[in-house]
Structure formats: C-alpha cells, structure tokens
Amino acid sequence: MGSSSTILLFKQKIQVLRVVIRDSLFTFIIQKKGNEMTSDEHKITMFAGAPIWLFSFAKELRAKPSPAEEHLWKYLSKNQCCGLRFRRQHPLLYFIADFYCHEIKLVVEVDGNIHLIPEQFQYDESRTQELVAKGITVIRFTNEAILNETKFVMAIITETVQKLLLQKKQHFPPT
C-alpha cells in the first residue's frame, strides 16, 4: 500500500471515528438533559422540536460535506427536484438529517461504510422509526450508489417525492 492510500485510509478511519463520537455525544447529551429542556429551547415546526444546541453541529456538518453529500446536493439544491426545497444537514427531533424537504416531510440519508457496523445499523433503524412515527418518510442511499448510480438514485428520490406530493394533495385538496 502506497503512502497516499495509507493516508486516505487513515483519514477515512478518522471520519468514521468522528461520526461515532458525534452520535455518542448526541446520545449522551439527550440522555443527560432528558426532559430538562424547556419549550423555549426548541425550534418548533419544521425542526420537529430539535434543541437549539443541535443547530451548531448541523452548521459544522454543512461546512464539511462528504463527497457523496456534496454530489447529491448538486441535484437537490435550488428546487431542482420537482420544484421543492431541500435543506441539508437539517436538525429534526434530536437528529440531523442529511437532506430534508419539509413540504412533504421527506428525509434523504447518505450512508457511508460506518452504517454497515451492526450497532450503527441498529441506531439508524431506531432513528428511522422515530422519524416515521412523526410522519416523516426516510429513504437511504449508500455513498457508492450516489456517486456511481446518480440517475438511479435521483429516479427513486423523484418517484418518492411525486408519491408524497400526490398523498399530500389527496389529504389536503385545494380550496
């Protein structure tokens, strides 16, 4: 293995460690604070009660997107997907969604290799269940799919968006 591939592997391991530490920190803070947060400490509506301290973490994540997140953002930004606005690294509950469209309550998650670890996979599943319980649809894609199968990924996202728009229209017909 050459020195550049060793450095790249080391950087990837550091990134994985950061994600694990970040998620552990979130879990610890949530468990520690529990019900101590007052309603003044939350942003309501599109943030689903996310605590204010989570917004600074989201800002940091927006400043350093993964290559797959950066690539997918090229297709989701500026209302390019069915004319809807997506936000990146968006706080929801006590999570940060990679991409979120509030109008149809859709989360798009970008999963790197860390999401293959059984503990992380279980965490992702429980997180998805909590979001679904709040009426939010969650779809997930691997980094590889986003980078190598972009048209396929965008076709799935577009199909999901159209389905959710139709459901919304049926539940809330124009007056």
Protein backbone atom coordinates (compact mmCIF):
# COMPACT_ATOMS: atom_id res chain seq x y z
CA MET A 1 0.00 0.00 0.00
CA GLY A 2 1.40 3.38 -1.03
CA SER A 3 1.72 6.30 1.35
CA SER A 4 -1.14 8.24 -0.31
CA SER A 5 -3.56 5.29 0.03
CA THR A 6 -2.44 4.80 3.65
CA ILE A 7 -3.14 8.47 4.37
CA LEU A 8 -6.55 8.22 2.66
CA LEU A 9 -7.42 5.12 4.71
CA PHE A 10 -6.31 6.90 7.89
CA LYS A 11 -8.46 9.95 7.02
CA GLN A 12 -11.47 7.67 6.40
CA LYS A 13 -10.98 5.98 9.77
CA ILE A 14 -10.75 9.41 11.46
CA GLN A 15 -14.01 10.44 9.77
CA VAL A 16 -15.73 7.24 10.94
CA LEU A 17 -14.45 7.85 14.46
CA ARG A 18 -15.78 11.43 14.35
CA VAL A 19 -19.23 10.17 13.36
CA VAL A 20 -19.25 7.56 16.13
CA ILE A 21 -18.09 10.11 18.71
CA ARG A 22 -20.59 12.71 17.43
CA ASP A 23 -23.51 10.25 17.61
CA SER A 24 -22.37 9.07 21.05
CA LEU A 25 -22.17 12.67 22.21
CA PHE A 26 -25.70 13.36 20.95
CA THR A 27 -26.99 10.26 22.72
CA PHE A 28 -25.21 11.23 25.94
CA ILE A 29 -26.50 14.80 25.89
CA ILE A 30 -30.04 13.66 25.13
CA GLN A 31 -29.96 11.12 27.96
CA LYS A 32 -28.41 13.63 30.36
CA LYS A 33 -30.75 16.52 29.60
CA GLY A 34 -33.86 14.42 29.07
CA ASN A 35 -36.95 16.43 30.00
CA GLU A 36 -34.94 19.31 31.47
CA MET A 37 -35.25 21.32 28.23
CA THR A 38 -37.97 23.95 28.23
CA SER A 39 -40.15 24.81 25.26
CA ASP A 40 -38.07 28.00 24.83
CA GLU A 41 -35.04 25.84 23.98
CA HIS A 42 -36.68 24.29 20.93
CA LYS A 43 -37.45 25.46 17.44
CA ILE A 44 -40.87 24.09 16.58
CA THR A 45 -42.45 23.40 13.16
CA MET A 46 -40.02 22.18 10.51
CA PHE A 47 -37.42 21.22 13.10
CA ALA A 48 -39.78 18.87 14.99
CA GLY A 49 -38.63 20.22 18.32
CA ALA A 50 -34.88 19.97 17.68
CA PRO A 51 -32.94 21.56 20.56
CA ILE A 52 -31.05 24.75 19.77
CA TRP A 53 -27.64 23.24 20.62
CA LEU A 54 -28.07 20.83 17.67
CA PHE A 55 -28.05 23.67 15.15
CA SER A 56 -24.35 24.43 15.64
CA PHE A 57 -23.48 20.78 14.92
CA ALA A 58 -25.60 20.95 11.76
CA LYS A 59 -23.76 24.09 10.66
CA GLU A 60 -20.41 22.33 11.12
CA LEU A 61 -21.61 19.36 9.08
CA ARG A 62 -22.83 21.65 6.27
CA ALA A 63 -19.34 23.19 6.12
CA LYS A 64 -17.70 19.76 5.61
CA PRO A 65 -19.93 17.56 3.43
CA SER A 66 -18.83 14.11 2.35
CA PRO A 67 -18.16 13.71 -1.39
CA ALA A 68 -21.47 11.83 -1.77
CA GLU A 69 -23.42 14.52 0.11
CA GLU A 70 -21.80 17.25 -1.99
CA HIS A 71 -22.61 15.34 -5.19
CA LEU A 72 -26.26 14.71 -4.26
CA TRP A 73 -26.68 18.35 -3.20
CA LYS A 74 -25.97 19.37 -6.80
CA TYR A 75 -29.23 17.61 -7.72
CA LEU A 76 -31.37 18.58 -4.73
CA SER A 77 -30.41 22.24 -4.24
CA LYS A 78 -32.19 25.22 -5.76
CA ASN A 79 -35.58 23.45 -6.01
CA GLN A 80 -34.31 21.14 -8.77
CA CYS A 81 -36.26 18.11 -7.58
CA CYS A 82 -39.93 18.63 -8.52
CA GLY A 83 -39.67 22.30 -7.56
CA LEU A 84 -39.30 21.51 -3.86
CA ARG A 85 -36.82 22.98 -1.43
CA PHE A 86 -34.45 20.56 0.26
CA ARG A 87 -32.27 21.57 3.18
CA ARG A 88 -29.00 19.86 4.02
CA GLN A 89 -27.83 18.80 7.48
CA HIS A 90 -31.21 19.74 8.90
CA PRO A 91 -31.99 19.27 12.63
CA LEU A 92 -35.08 17.14 13.31
CA LEU A 93 -36.01 15.95 16.79
CA TYR A 94 -32.54 15.26 18.20
CA PHE A 95 -31.07 14.04 14.90
CA ILE A 96 -29.51 15.77 11.93
CA ALA A 97 -30.96 14.66 8.60
CA ASP A 98 -28.56 14.72 5.67
CA PHE A 99 -31.31 16.21 3.45
CA TYR A 100 -34.85 17.23 4.37
CA CYS A 101 -37.84 18.54 2.44
CA HIS A 102 -40.33 19.96 4.93
CA GLU A 103 -43.17 20.43 2.46
CA ILE A 104 -43.55 16.66 2.03
CA LYS A 105 -41.72 15.58 5.21
CA LEU A 106 -39.03 13.59 3.39
CA VAL A 107 -35.58 12.77 4.75
CA VAL A 108 -32.86 11.52 2.40
CA GLU A 109 -29.95 9.88 4.22
CA VAL A 110 -26.48 9.28 2.79
CA ASP A 111 -24.86 6.23 4.35
CA GLY A 112 -21.12 5.66 4.39
CA ASN A 113 -19.36 2.47 5.48
CA ILE A 114 -19.95 3.18 9.17
CA HIS A 115 -23.62 2.37 8.61
CA LEU A 116 -22.64 -1.25 7.94
CA ILE A 117 -21.49 -1.70 11.54
CA PRO A 118 -24.27 -3.61 13.38
CA GLU A 119 -24.56 -1.06 16.21
CA GLN A 120 -24.79 1.85 13.78
CA PHE A 121 -27.29 -0.06 11.64
CA GLN A 122 -29.49 -0.62 14.71
CA TYR A 123 -29.18 3.05 15.65
CA ASP A 124 -30.20 4.04 12.11
CA GLU A 125 -33.21 1.74 12.30
CA SER A 126 -34.41 3.16 15.62
CA ARG A 127 -33.83 6.69 14.34
CA THR A 128 -35.87 5.93 11.22
CA GLN A 129 -38.69 4.50 13.35
CA GLU A 130 -38.79 7.68 15.47
CA LEU A 131 -38.95 9.89 12.38
CA VAL A 132 -41.64 7.71 10.75
CA ALA A 133 -43.66 7.94 13.99
CA LYS A 134 -43.63 11.73 13.47
CA GLY A 135 -44.98 11.32 9.92
CA ILE A 136 -41.62 11.72 8.18
CA THR A 137 -40.62 9.44 5.29
CA VAL A 138 -36.98 8.31 5.29
CA ILE A 139 -35.05 6.92 2.33
CA ARG A 140 -31.41 5.88 2.47
CA PHE A 141 -28.66 5.52 -0.12
CA THR A 142 -25.06 4.40 0.14
CA ASN A 143 -22.23 6.73 -0.82
CA GLU A 144 -21.39 4.35 -3.67
CA ALA A 145 -24.92 4.44 -5.09
CA ILE A 146 -24.97 8.24 -5.03
CA LEU A 147 -21.56 8.59 -6.65
CA ASN A 148 -21.87 5.74 -9.19
CA GLU A 149 -25.62 5.41 -9.83
CA THR A 150 -26.77 9.03 -9.60
CA LYS A 151 -29.52 8.73 -12.22
CA PHE A 152 -30.98 5.70 -10.44
CA VAL A 153 -30.80 7.44 -7.04
CA MET A 154 -32.47 10.57 -8.42
CA ALA A 155 -35.17 8.45 -10.09
CA ILE A 156 -36.00 6.88 -6.71
CA ILE A 157 -35.98 10.26 -4.95
CA THR A 158 -38.16 11.81 -7.67
CA GLU A 159 -40.62 8.89 -7.56
CA THR A 160 -40.82 9.18 -3.76
CA VAL A 161 -41.32 12.95 -3.96
CA GLN A 162 -44.10 12.57 -6.54
CA LYS A 163 -45.82 9.89 -4.44
CA LEU A 164 -45.67 12.09 -1.33
CA LEU A 165 -46.94 15.13 -3.26
CA LEU A 166 -49.88 13.07 -4.51
CA GLN A 167 -50.63 11.85 -0.98
CA LYS A 168 -50.48 15.43 0.30
CA LYS A 169 -52.80 16.61 -2.47
CA GLN A 170 -55.30 13.86 -1.64
CA HIS A 171 -55.25 14.71 2.08
CA PHE A 172 -55.35 18.47 1.56
CA PRO A 173 -57.18 19.22 -1.70
CA PRO A 174 -57.08 22.83 -2.94
CA THR A 175 -59.93 25.00 -1.70
